[in-house]
């Protein structure tokens, strides 16, 4: 029963990722890492 719910949630997540224009969850995670890295660089730039 729980396995079915997990699969449904995974399918929903993958659908949302594809709607955002990414091919896979790993591509989306890479995008988030780059976005966070850029935020940190901007904050450092403002602080200096």
C-alpha atoms as a PDB file:
ATOM      1  CA  UNK A   1       0.000   0.000   0.000  1.00  0.00           C
ATOM      2  CA  UNK A   2       2.727   2.484   0.956  1.00  0.00           C
ATOM      3  CA  UNK A   3       4.716   1.515  -2.129  1.00  0.00           C
ATOM      4  CA  UNK A   4       1.801   2.550  -4.341  1.00  0.00           C
ATOM      5  CA  UNK A   5       1.605   5.947  -2.595  1.00  0.00           C
ATOM      6  CA  UNK A   6       5.358   6.451  -3.039  1.00  0.00           C
ATOM      7  CA  UNK A   7       5.072   5.617  -6.742  1.00  0.00           C
ATOM      8  CA  UNK A   8       2.188   8.067  -7.121  1.00  0.00           C
ATOM      9  CA  UNK A   9       4.185  10.834  -5.407  1.00  0.00           C
ATOM     10  CA  UNK A  10       7.231  10.059  -7.563  1.00  0.00           C
ATOM     11  CA  UNK A  11       5.091  10.226 -10.700  1.00  0.00           C
ATOM     12  CA  UNK A  12       3.613  13.564  -9.583  1.00  0.00           C
ATOM     13  CA  UNK A  13       7.095  14.942  -8.883  1.00  0.00           C
ATOM     14  CA  UNK A  14       8.423  13.783 -12.254  1.00  0.00           C
ATOM     15  CA  UNK A  15       5.416  15.311 -14.017  1.00  0.00           C
ATOM     16  CA  UNK A  16       6.031  18.669 -12.310  1.00  0.00           C
ATOM     17  CA  UNK A  17       9.746  18.516 -13.176  1.00  0.00           C
ATOM     18  CA  UNK A  18       8.887  17.899 -16.837  1.00  0.00           C
ATOM     19  CA  UNK A  19       6.357  20.752 -16.769  1.00  0.00           C
ATOM     20  CA  UNK A  20       9.175  23.046 -15.597  1.00  0.00           C
ATOM     21  CA  UNK A  21      11.194  22.008 -18.656  1.00  0.00           C
ATOM     22  CA  UNK A  22      13.688  19.599 -17.098  1.00  0.00           C
ATOM     23  CA  UNK A  23      14.337  16.081 -18.418  1.00  0.00           C
ATOM     24  CA  UNK A  24      15.013  14.426 -15.074  1.00  0.00           C
ATOM     25  CA  UNK A  25      15.111  14.911 -11.325  1.00  0.00           C
ATOM     26  CA  UNK A  26      18.925  15.023 -11.414  1.00  0.00           C
ATOM     27  CA  UNK A  27      18.831  17.828 -14.008  1.00  0.00           C
ATOM     28  CA  UNK A  28      16.401  19.755 -11.779  1.00  0.00           C
ATOM     29  CA  UNK A  29      18.648  19.231  -8.722  1.00  0.00           C
ATOM     30  CA  UNK A  30      21.648  20.493 -10.700  1.00  0.00           C
ATOM     31  CA  UNK A  31      19.643  23.600 -11.630  1.00  0.00           C
ATOM     32  CA  UNK A  32      18.825  24.183  -7.943  1.00  0.00           C
ATOM     33  CA  UNK A  33      22.514  23.809  -6.973  1.00  0.00           C
ATOM     34  CA  UNK A  34      23.584  26.324  -9.624  1.00  0.00           C
ATOM     35  CA  UNK A  35      20.832  28.722  -8.573  1.00  0.00           C
ATOM     36  CA  UNK A  36      21.919  28.494  -4.907  1.00  0.00           C
ATOM     37  CA  UNK A  37      25.574  28.967  -5.856  1.00  0.00           C
ATOM     38  CA  UNK A  38      24.722  32.107  -7.823  1.00  0.00           C
ATOM     39  CA  UNK A  39      22.718  33.478  -4.879  1.00  0.00           C
ATOM     40  CA  UNK A  40      25.725  32.986  -2.591  1.00  0.00           C
ATOM     41  CA  UNK A  41      28.057  34.713  -5.066  1.00  0.00           C
ATOM     42  CA  UNK A  42      25.678  37.667  -5.358  1.00  0.00           C
ATOM     43  CA  UNK A  43      25.485  37.989  -1.560  1.00  0.00           C
ATOM     44  CA  UNK A  44      29.292  37.856  -1.316  1.00  0.00           C
ATOM     45  CA  UNK A  45      29.544  40.474  -4.070  1.00  0.00           C
ATOM     46  CA  UNK A  46      27.139  42.809  -2.284  1.00  0.00           C
ATOM     47  CA  UNK A  47      28.923  42.324   1.043  1.00  0.00           C
ATOM     48  CA  UNK A  48      32.350  43.198  -0.346  1.00  0.00           C
END
